[in-house]
């Protein structure tokens, strides 16, 4: 019984770190702008996502019936709300609010866990599907997005992937436990750009070697590497420190930065 309680406590602490250091920091730079600007121009209906919709969405995400939250998203889309809005103005603020409710003891461990799992599931269901990619350059640009090996944060990379798919890129989300698995992925397929999301400071010590190995092992000899993730929101670094081509800390500028380093 003592060991079971100890394991539960350690798991709760791990999840709390995910909320505080992987999800919330990524939201800080754009959260105030998202909440304050008028979003009606983004879709024809004139509707906008408000705090009420975010709160309602969270309640559905922590409910027992998984289908309720998914039906809610479908309803918003049927009203004309874009998937960009859903990612930036509903899902990301919802993740932040889950963290705040955790800190304020308004939600317990099980509810926060449940909510985050639902958020990940919904981001995937909205449209993150891909086909096997080519082994040489083609007309469609290809992007590999991965969390730094060993990480298990996928919400941010999922949202980034959507923006690239919107402009016609083919995007692969790679879940690699080790660096070798990630290197193997780029050896097998052609990618114009590799994006690595880094969550904690400890991962920086091996990041330079990982970038070097990815570039050397890539089937595309001219592939570019762009870095991002929560750690770069709280620590200032230059891309050259790790042999990368760019660091992005603003999700809305990711596509623009990618285009600039590929020209």
C-alpha atoms as a PDB file:
ATOM      1  CA  UNK A   1       0.000   0.000   0.000  1.00  0.00           C
ATOM      2  CA  UNK A   2       2.837   2.393   0.872  1.00  0.00           C
ATOM      3  CA  UNK A   3       4.590   1.653  -2.419  1.00  0.00           C
ATOM      4  CA  UNK A   4       1.361   2.177  -4.355  1.00  0.00           C
ATOM      5  CA  UNK A   5       0.828   5.553  -2.707  1.00  0.00           C
ATOM      6  CA  UNK A   6       4.446   6.496  -3.370  1.00  0.00           C
ATOM      7  CA  UNK A   7       4.116   5.604  -7.062  1.00  0.00           C
ATOM      8  CA  UNK A   8       0.880   7.589  -7.326  1.00  0.00           C
ATOM      9  CA  UNK A   9       2.512  10.612  -5.714  1.00  0.00           C
ATOM     10  CA  UNK A  10       5.503  10.427  -8.078  1.00  0.00           C
ATOM     11  CA  UNK A  11       3.172  10.130 -11.048  1.00  0.00           C
ATOM     12  CA  UNK A  12       1.203  13.171  -9.896  1.00  0.00           C
ATOM     13  CA  UNK A  13       4.426  15.136  -9.508  1.00  0.00           C
ATOM     14  CA  UNK A  14       5.479  14.114 -13.012  1.00  0.00           C
ATOM     15  CA  UNK A  15       2.172  15.232 -14.490  1.00  0.00           C
ATOM     16  CA  UNK A  16       2.351  18.517 -12.615  1.00  0.00           C
ATOM     17  CA  UNK A  17       5.762  19.157 -14.196  1.00  0.00           C
ATOM     18  CA  UNK A  18       4.276  18.429 -17.619  1.00  0.00           C
ATOM     19  CA  UNK A  19       1.546  21.009 -17.019  1.00  0.00           C
ATOM     20  CA  UNK A  20       3.862  23.666 -15.599  1.00  0.00           C
ATOM     21  CA  UNK A  21       6.951  23.252 -17.766  1.00  0.00           C
ATOM     22  CA  UNK A  22       5.751  21.731 -21.033  1.00  0.00           C
ATOM     23  CA  UNK A  23       2.267  23.104 -21.686  1.00  0.00           C
ATOM     24  CA  UNK A  24       1.862  26.365 -19.785  1.00  0.00           C
ATOM     25  CA  UNK A  25       5.189  28.037 -20.810  1.00  0.00           C
ATOM     26  CA  UNK A  26       4.379  27.532 -24.486  1.00  0.00           C
ATOM     27  CA  UNK A  27       1.126  29.406 -23.981  1.00  0.00           C
ATOM     28  CA  UNK A  28       2.482  32.430 -22.127  1.00  0.00           C
ATOM     29  CA  UNK A  29       3.737  34.368 -25.146  1.00  0.00           C
ATOM     30  CA  UNK A  30       0.470  34.281 -27.059  1.00  0.00           C
ATOM     31  CA  UNK A  31      -2.169  33.756 -24.370  1.00  0.00           C
ATOM     32  CA  UNK A  32      -2.858  37.442 -23.689  1.00  0.00           C
ATOM     33  CA  UNK A  33      -3.081  38.292 -27.373  1.00  0.00           C
ATOM     34  CA  UNK A  34      -5.362  35.356 -28.059  1.00  0.00           C
ATOM     35  CA  UNK A  35      -7.757  36.304 -25.274  1.00  0.00           C
ATOM     36  CA  UNK A  36      -7.866  40.019 -26.074  1.00  0.00           C
ATOM     37  CA  UNK A  37      -8.068  40.274 -29.832  1.00  0.00           C
ATOM     38  CA  UNK A  38     -11.322  40.013 -31.774  1.00  0.00           C
ATOM     39  CA  UNK A  39     -11.344  36.729 -33.672  1.00  0.00           C
ATOM     40  CA  UNK A  40     -14.489  37.267 -35.740  1.00  0.00           C
ATOM     41  CA  UNK A  41     -12.510  37.975 -38.893  1.00  0.00           C
ATOM     42  CA  UNK A  42     -11.201  34.423 -38.901  1.00  0.00           C
ATOM     43  CA  UNK A  43     -14.557  32.915 -39.871  1.00  0.00           C
ATOM     44  CA  UNK A  44     -17.762  33.989 -41.511  1.00  0.00           C
ATOM     45  CA  UNK A  45     -20.227  33.335 -38.703  1.00  0.00           C
ATOM     46  CA  UNK A  46     -18.947  36.191 -36.552  1.00  0.00           C
ATOM     47  CA  UNK A  47     -18.853  33.923 -33.513  1.00  0.00           C
ATOM     48  CA  UNK A  48     -15.863  33.986 -31.248  1.00  0.00           C
ATOM     49  CA  UNK A  49     -14.493  31.678 -28.604  1.00  0.00           C
ATOM     50  CA  UNK A  50     -14.935  33.174 -25.141  1.00  0.00           C
ATOM     51  CA  UNK A  51     -14.097  32.169 -21.609  1.00  0.00           C
ATOM     52  CA  UNK A  52     -17.503  30.522 -21.382  1.00  0.00           C
ATOM     53  CA  UNK A  53     -16.725  28.157 -24.269  1.00  0.00           C
ATOM     54  CA  UNK A  54     -13.330  27.339 -22.761  1.00  0.00           C
ATOM     55  CA  UNK A  55     -14.842  26.520 -19.360  1.00  0.00           C
ATOM     56  CA  UNK A  56     -17.606  24.474 -20.943  1.00  0.00           C
ATOM     57  CA  UNK A  57     -15.053  22.610 -23.033  1.00  0.00           C
ATOM     58  CA  UNK A  58     -13.005  21.740 -19.945  1.00  0.00           C
ATOM     59  CA  UNK A  59     -16.088  20.408 -18.186  1.00  0.00           C
ATOM     60  CA  UNK A  60     -16.755  18.152 -21.156  1.00  0.00           C
ATOM     61  CA  UNK A  61     -13.137  17.006 -21.299  1.00  0.00           C
ATOM     62  CA  UNK A  62     -13.207  15.813 -17.693  1.00  0.00           C
ATOM     63  CA  UNK A  63     -16.626  14.178 -18.047  1.00  0.00           C
ATOM     64  CA  UNK A  64     -16.958  10.406 -18.210  1.00  0.00           C
ATOM     65  CA  UNK A  65     -18.416  10.408 -21.724  1.00  0.00           C
ATOM     66  CA  UNK A  66     -15.556  10.997 -24.159  1.00  0.00           C
ATOM     67  CA  UNK A  67     -17.935  11.686 -27.029  1.00  0.00           C
ATOM     68  CA  UNK A  68     -19.308  14.851 -25.409  1.00  0.00           C
ATOM     69  CA  UNK A  69     -16.088  16.840 -25.899  1.00  0.00           C
ATOM     70  CA  UNK A  70     -15.683  15.583 -29.456  1.00  0.00           C
ATOM     71  CA  UNK A  71     -19.256  16.481 -30.332  1.00  0.00           C
ATOM     72  CA  UNK A  72     -18.663  19.953 -28.913  1.00  0.00           C
ATOM     73  CA  UNK A  73     -15.725  20.456 -31.287  1.00  0.00           C
ATOM     74  CA  UNK A  74     -17.815  19.253 -34.217  1.00  0.00           C
ATOM     75  CA  UNK A  75     -20.514  21.725 -33.275  1.00  0.00           C
ATOM     76  CA  UNK A  76     -18.047  24.628 -33.196  1.00  0.00           C
ATOM     77  CA  UNK A  77     -16.693  23.652 -36.598  1.00  0.00           C
ATOM     78  CA  UNK A  78     -20.245  23.436 -37.988  1.00  0.00           C
ATOM     79  CA  UNK A  79     -20.764  27.040 -36.850  1.00  0.00           C
ATOM     80  CA  UNK A  80     -17.810  28.090 -38.963  1.00  0.00           C
ATOM     81  CA  UNK A  81     -15.048  28.258 -36.358  1.00  0.00           C
ATOM     82  CA  UNK A  82     -11.724  27.379 -37.946  1.00  0.00           C
ATOM     83  CA  UNK A  83      -9.443  24.627 -36.726  1.00  0.00           C
ATOM     84  CA  UNK A  84      -6.753  27.295 -36.214  1.00  0.00           C
ATOM     85  CA  UNK A  85      -9.018  28.941 -33.656  1.00  0.00           C
ATOM     86  CA  UNK A  86      -9.790  25.642 -32.005  1.00  0.00           C
ATOM     87  CA  UNK A  87      -6.082  24.942 -31.527  1.00  0.00           C
ATOM     88  CA  UNK A  88      -4.963  28.413 -30.464  1.00  0.00           C
ATOM     89  CA  UNK A  89      -8.037  29.826 -28.790  1.00  0.00           C
ATOM     90  CA  UNK A  90      -9.726  26.798 -27.269  1.00  0.00           C
ATOM     91  CA  UNK A  91      -7.351  23.860 -26.768  1.00  0.00           C
ATOM     92  CA  UNK A  92      -4.272  25.783 -25.617  1.00  0.00           C
ATOM     93  CA  UNK A  93      -6.155  28.067 -23.186  1.00  0.00           C
ATOM     94  CA  UNK A  94      -7.989  24.965 -21.927  1.00  0.00           C
ATOM     95  CA  UNK A  95      -4.664  23.294 -21.191  1.00  0.00           C
ATOM     96  CA  UNK A  96      -3.518  26.374 -19.334  1.00  0.00           C
ATOM     97  CA  UNK A  97      -6.754  26.560 -17.365  1.00  0.00           C
ATOM     98  CA  UNK A  98      -6.396  22.924 -16.361  1.00  0.00           C
ATOM     99  CA  UNK A  99      -3.011  23.812 -14.902  1.00  0.00           C
ATOM    100  CA  UNK A 100      -4.431  26.803 -13.054  1.00  0.00           C
ATOM    101  CA  UNK A 101      -7.274  24.758 -11.610  1.00  0.00           C
ATOM    102  CA  UNK A 102      -4.708  22.185 -10.503  1.00  0.00           C
ATOM    103  CA  UNK A 103      -2.678  24.842  -8.687  1.00  0.00           C
ATOM    104  CA  UNK A 104      -5.814  26.219  -7.044  1.00  0.00           C
ATOM    105  CA  UNK A 105      -6.997  22.732  -5.992  1.00  0.00           C
ATOM    106  CA  UNK A 106     -10.169  23.141  -8.018  1.00  0.00           C
ATOM    107  CA  UNK A 107      -9.446  19.953  -9.954  1.00  0.00           C
ATOM    108  CA  UNK A 108      -7.821  16.796  -8.643  1.00  0.00           C
ATOM    109  CA  UNK A 109      -5.122  14.645 -10.191  1.00  0.00           C
ATOM    110  CA  UNK A 110      -7.527  12.273 -11.929  1.00  0.00           C
ATOM    111  CA  UNK A 111      -9.522  15.107 -13.494  1.00  0.00           C
ATOM    112  CA  UNK A 112      -6.444  16.919 -14.811  1.00  0.00           C
ATOM    113  CA  UNK A 113      -5.045  13.686 -16.217  1.00  0.00           C
ATOM    114  CA  UNK A 114      -8.374  12.924 -17.865  1.00  0.00           C
ATOM    115  CA  UNK A 115      -8.602  16.406 -19.331  1.00  0.00           C
ATOM    116  CA  UNK A 116      -5.125  16.368 -20.821  1.00  0.00           C
ATOM    117  CA  UNK A 117      -5.658  12.960 -22.370  1.00  0.00           C
ATOM    118  CA  UNK A 118      -8.835  14.275 -24.009  1.00  0.00           C
ATOM    119  CA  UNK A 119      -7.011  17.332 -25.360  1.00  0.00           C
ATOM    120  CA  UNK A 120      -4.371  15.129 -26.958  1.00  0.00           C
ATOM    121  CA  UNK A 121      -7.030  12.855 -28.409  1.00  0.00           C
ATOM    122  CA  UNK A 122      -8.998  15.735 -29.890  1.00  0.00           C
ATOM    123  CA  UNK A 123      -5.963  17.362 -31.506  1.00  0.00           C
ATOM    124  CA  UNK A 124      -5.266  14.057 -33.198  1.00  0.00           C
ATOM    125  CA  UNK A 125      -8.866  13.496 -34.284  1.00  0.00           C
ATOM    126  CA  UNK A 126      -9.177  16.890 -35.955  1.00  0.00           C
ATOM    127  CA  UNK A 127      -6.958  15.740 -38.777  1.00  0.00           C
ATOM    128  CA  UNK A 128      -3.436  14.594 -38.000  1.00  0.00           C
ATOM    129  CA  UNK A 129      -3.151  11.746 -40.459  1.00  0.00           C
ATOM    130  CA  UNK A 130      -0.333  11.117 -42.916  1.00  0.00           C
ATOM    131  CA  UNK A 131       0.746   8.710 -45.610  1.00  0.00           C
ATOM    132  CA  UNK A 132       4.079   7.041 -46.077  1.00  0.00           C
ATOM    133  CA  UNK A 133       6.501   9.608 -47.415  1.00  0.00           C
ATOM    134  CA  UNK A 134       8.923   9.590 -50.325  1.00  0.00           C
ATOM    135  CA  UNK A 135      12.625   8.923 -50.150  1.00  0.00           C
ATOM    136  CA  UNK A 136      13.568  11.852 -52.390  1.00  0.00           C
ATOM    137  CA  UNK A 137      12.590  15.467 -52.912  1.00  0.00           C
ATOM    138  CA  UNK A 138       9.163  16.121 -54.382  1.00  0.00           C
ATOM    139  CA  UNK A 139       6.728  18.924 -55.084  1.00  0.00           C
ATOM    140  CA  UNK A 140       5.307  18.807 -51.557  1.00  0.00           C
ATOM    141  CA  UNK A 141       7.549  19.909 -48.721  1.00  0.00           C
ATOM    142  CA  UNK A 142       7.877  17.478 -45.849  1.00  0.00           C
ATOM    143  CA  UNK A 143       8.360  18.154 -42.160  1.00  0.00           C
ATOM    144  CA  UNK A 144       9.259  15.820 -39.333  1.00  0.00           C
ATOM    145  CA  UNK A 145       8.224  17.058 -35.880  1.00  0.00           C
ATOM    146  CA  UNK A 146       9.373  15.270 -32.754  1.00  0.00           C
ATOM    147  CA  UNK A 147       9.728  15.908 -29.068  1.00  0.00           C
ATOM    148  CA  UNK A 148      13.248  15.533 -27.755  1.00  0.00           C
ATOM    149  CA  UNK A 149      13.777  11.773 -27.241  1.00  0.00           C
ATOM    150  CA  UNK A 150      12.356  10.604 -23.959  1.00  0.00           C
ATOM    151  CA  UNK A 151       9.728  13.352 -23.787  1.00  0.00           C
ATOM    152  CA  UNK A 152       6.042  12.612 -23.894  1.00  0.00           C
ATOM    153  CA  UNK A 153       4.567  16.022 -24.686  1.00  0.00           C
ATOM    154  CA  UNK A 154       2.630  16.005 -27.930  1.00  0.00           C
ATOM    155  CA  UNK A 155       0.079  18.794 -27.681  1.00  0.00           C
ATOM    156  CA  UNK A 156       2.447  21.530 -28.899  1.00  0.00           C
ATOM    157  CA  UNK A 157       3.920  19.491 -31.782  1.00  0.00           C
ATOM    158  CA  UNK A 158       0.397  18.470 -32.835  1.00  0.00           C
ATOM    159  CA  UNK A 159      -0.709  22.083 -33.047  1.00  0.00           C
ATOM    160  CA  UNK A 160       2.409  23.105 -34.970  1.00  0.00           C
ATOM    161  CA  UNK A 161       1.800  20.262 -37.410  1.00  0.00           C
ATOM    162  CA  UNK A 162      -1.653  21.565 -38.206  1.00  0.00           C
ATOM    163  CA  UNK A 163      -0.367  24.955 -39.336  1.00  0.00           C
ATOM    164  CA  UNK A 164       2.030  23.351 -41.790  1.00  0.00           C
ATOM    165  CA  UNK A 165      -0.633  21.002 -43.127  1.00  0.00           C
ATOM    166  CA  UNK A 166      -2.851  24.024 -43.711  1.00  0.00           C
ATOM    167  CA  UNK A 167      -0.378  25.377 -46.257  1.00  0.00           C
ATOM    168  CA  UNK A 168       0.081  22.052 -48.006  1.00  0.00           C
ATOM    169  CA  UNK A 169       3.034  20.476 -46.218  1.00  0.00           C
ATOM    170  CA  UNK A 170       3.131  16.808 -45.401  1.00  0.00           C
ATOM    171  CA  UNK A 171       3.929  16.419 -41.721  1.00  0.00           C
ATOM    172  CA  UNK A 172       5.097  13.384 -39.790  1.00  0.00           C
ATOM    173  CA  UNK A 173       4.823  13.339 -35.996  1.00  0.00           C
ATOM    174  CA  UNK A 174       7.529  11.050 -34.693  1.00  0.00           C
ATOM    175  CA  UNK A 175       7.372   9.575 -31.199  1.00  0.00           C
ATOM    176  CA  UNK A 176      10.878   8.345 -30.456  1.00  0.00           C
ATOM    177  CA  UNK A 177      12.079   6.950 -27.170  1.00  0.00           C
ATOM    178  CA  UNK A 178      15.745   7.203 -28.147  1.00  0.00           C
ATOM    179  CA  UNK A 179      17.891   9.358 -30.403  1.00  0.00           C
ATOM    180  CA  UNK A 180      18.691   6.344 -32.551  1.00  0.00           C
ATOM    181  CA  UNK A 181      15.023   5.797 -33.317  1.00  0.00           C
ATOM    182  CA  UNK A 182      14.663   9.416 -34.391  1.00  0.00           C
ATOM    183  CA  UNK A 183      17.796   9.247 -36.539  1.00  0.00           C
ATOM    184  CA  UNK A 184      16.480   6.057 -38.128  1.00  0.00           C
ATOM    185  CA  UNK A 185      13.298   7.917 -39.078  1.00  0.00           C
ATOM    186  CA  UNK A 186      15.177  10.600 -41.043  1.00  0.00           C
ATOM    187  CA  UNK A 187      17.401   8.008 -42.664  1.00  0.00           C
ATOM    188  CA  UNK A 188      14.377   6.262 -44.143  1.00  0.00           C
ATOM    189  CA  UNK A 189      12.446   9.211 -45.556  1.00  0.00           C
ATOM    190  CA  UNK A 190      13.101  12.573 -47.171  1.00  0.00           C
ATOM    191  CA  UNK A 191      12.401  15.635 -45.058  1.00  0.00           C
ATOM    192  CA  UNK A 192      12.957  19.265 -45.985  1.00  0.00           C
ATOM    193  CA  UNK A 193      12.759  20.333 -42.357  1.00  0.00           C
ATOM    194  CA  UNK A 194      13.083  18.684 -38.950  1.00  0.00           C
ATOM    195  CA  UNK A 195      11.461  20.296 -35.918  1.00  0.00           C
ATOM    196  CA  UNK A 196      12.541  19.307 -32.406  1.00  0.00           C
ATOM    197  CA  UNK A 197      10.545  20.347 -29.333  1.00  0.00           C
ATOM    198  CA  UNK A 198      12.603  20.509 -26.129  1.00  0.00           C
ATOM    199  CA  UNK A 199      10.840  20.594 -22.791  1.00  0.00           C
ATOM    200  CA  UNK A 200      13.454  20.705 -20.021  1.00  0.00           C
ATOM    201  CA  UNK A 201      16.934  22.114 -19.427  1.00  0.00           C
ATOM    202  CA  UNK A 202      18.528  18.680 -18.997  1.00  0.00           C
ATOM    203  CA  UNK A 203      17.786  17.823 -22.624  1.00  0.00           C
ATOM    204  CA  UNK A 204      19.927  20.703 -23.861  1.00  0.00           C
ATOM    205  CA  UNK A 205      23.183  18.929 -22.989  1.00  0.00           C
ATOM    206  CA  UNK A 206      22.663  16.324 -25.726  1.00  0.00           C
ATOM    207  CA  UNK A 207      20.717  18.499 -28.151  1.00  0.00           C
ATOM    208  CA  UNK A 208      23.742  19.626 -30.163  1.00  0.00           C
ATOM    209  CA  UNK A 209      24.819  16.044 -30.761  1.00  0.00           C
ATOM    210  CA  UNK A 210      21.282  15.086 -31.723  1.00  0.00           C
ATOM    211  CA  UNK A 211      21.041  17.895 -34.280  1.00  0.00           C
ATOM    212  CA  UNK A 212      24.431  16.935 -35.725  1.00  0.00           C
ATOM    213  CA  UNK A 213      23.450  13.272 -35.979  1.00  0.00           C
ATOM    214  CA  UNK A 214      20.134  14.128 -37.607  1.00  0.00           C
ATOM    215  CA  UNK A 215      21.774  16.282 -40.257  1.00  0.00           C
ATOM    216  CA  UNK A 216      24.456  13.696 -40.965  1.00  0.00           C
ATOM    217  CA  UNK A 217      22.001  10.821 -41.074  1.00  0.00           C
ATOM    218  CA  UNK A 218      19.250  12.568 -43.011  1.00  0.00           C
ATOM    219  CA  UNK A 219      18.390  11.218 -46.429  1.00  0.00           C
ATOM    220  CA  UNK A 220      18.187  14.864 -47.478  1.00  0.00           C
ATOM    221  CA  UNK A 221      21.761  16.195 -47.267  1.00  0.00           C
ATOM    222  CA  UNK A 222      20.483  19.773 -47.036  1.00  0.00           C
ATOM    223  CA  UNK A 223      17.769  19.285 -44.433  1.00  0.00           C
ATOM    224  CA  UNK A 224      17.246  22.121 -41.958  1.00  0.00           C
ATOM    225  CA  UNK A 225      16.590  21.793 -38.234  1.00  0.00           C
ATOM    226  CA  UNK A 226      14.349  24.131 -36.282  1.00  0.00           C
ATOM    227  CA  UNK A 227      14.082  24.031 -32.484  1.00  0.00           C
ATOM    228  CA  UNK A 228      11.214  24.998 -30.225  1.00  0.00           C
ATOM    229  CA  UNK A 229       9.445  23.986 -27.058  1.00  0.00           C
ATOM    230  CA  UNK A 230       8.893  25.174 -23.492  1.00  0.00           C
ATOM    231  CA  UNK A 231      12.565  25.442 -22.501  1.00  0.00           C
ATOM    232  CA  UNK A 232      13.175  28.178 -25.072  1.00  0.00           C
ATOM    233  CA  UNK A 233      10.331  30.176 -23.568  1.00  0.00           C
ATOM    234  CA  UNK A 234      12.157  30.449 -20.260  1.00  0.00           C
ATOM    235  CA  UNK A 235      15.806  30.349 -21.366  1.00  0.00           C
ATOM    236  CA  UNK A 236      17.482  32.392 -24.096  1.00  0.00           C
ATOM    237  CA  UNK A 237      19.607  30.441 -26.547  1.00  0.00           C
ATOM    238  CA  UNK A 238      20.906  30.861 -30.074  1.00  0.00           C
ATOM    239  CA  UNK A 239      20.246  28.194 -32.681  1.00  0.00           C
ATOM    240  CA  UNK A 240      23.961  28.071 -33.461  1.00  0.00           C
ATOM    241  CA  UNK A 241      24.657  26.761 -29.958  1.00  0.00           C
ATOM    242  CA  UNK A 242      23.137  23.473 -31.064  1.00  0.00           C
ATOM    243  CA  UNK A 243      24.017  23.502 -34.758  1.00  0.00           C
ATOM    244  CA  UNK A 244      20.388  24.219 -35.662  1.00  0.00           C
ATOM    245  CA  UNK A 245      19.085  26.699 -38.222  1.00  0.00           C
ATOM    246  CA  UNK A 246      16.447  28.485 -36.142  1.00  0.00           C
ATOM    247  CA  UNK A 247      14.641  28.593 -32.813  1.00  0.00           C
ATOM    248  CA  UNK A 248      10.943  29.428 -32.726  1.00  0.00           C
ATOM    249  CA  UNK A 249       9.128  30.517 -29.564  1.00  0.00           C
ATOM    250  CA  UNK A 250       5.916  31.798 -31.161  1.00  0.00           C
ATOM    251  CA  UNK A 251       3.643  29.161 -32.670  1.00  0.00           C
ATOM    252  CA  UNK A 252       2.064  31.692 -35.027  1.00  0.00           C
ATOM    253  CA  UNK A 253       5.446  32.530 -36.586  1.00  0.00           C
ATOM    254  CA  UNK A 254       6.613  28.954 -37.084  1.00  0.00           C
ATOM    255  CA  UNK A 255       5.610  28.698 -40.736  1.00  0.00           C
ATOM    256  CA  UNK A 256       7.187  32.061 -41.524  1.00  0.00           C
ATOM    257  CA  UNK A 257      10.474  31.107 -39.866  1.00  0.00           C
ATOM    258  CA  UNK A 258      10.502  27.744 -41.648  1.00  0.00           C
ATOM    259  CA  UNK A 259      10.070  29.447 -45.023  1.00  0.00           C
ATOM    260  CA  UNK A 260      12.916  31.847 -44.290  1.00  0.00           C
ATOM    261  CA  UNK A 261      15.463  29.120 -43.542  1.00  0.00           C
ATOM    262  CA  UNK A 262      14.471  27.024 -46.561  1.00  0.00           C
ATOM    263  CA  UNK A 263      14.900  29.797 -49.123  1.00  0.00           C
END
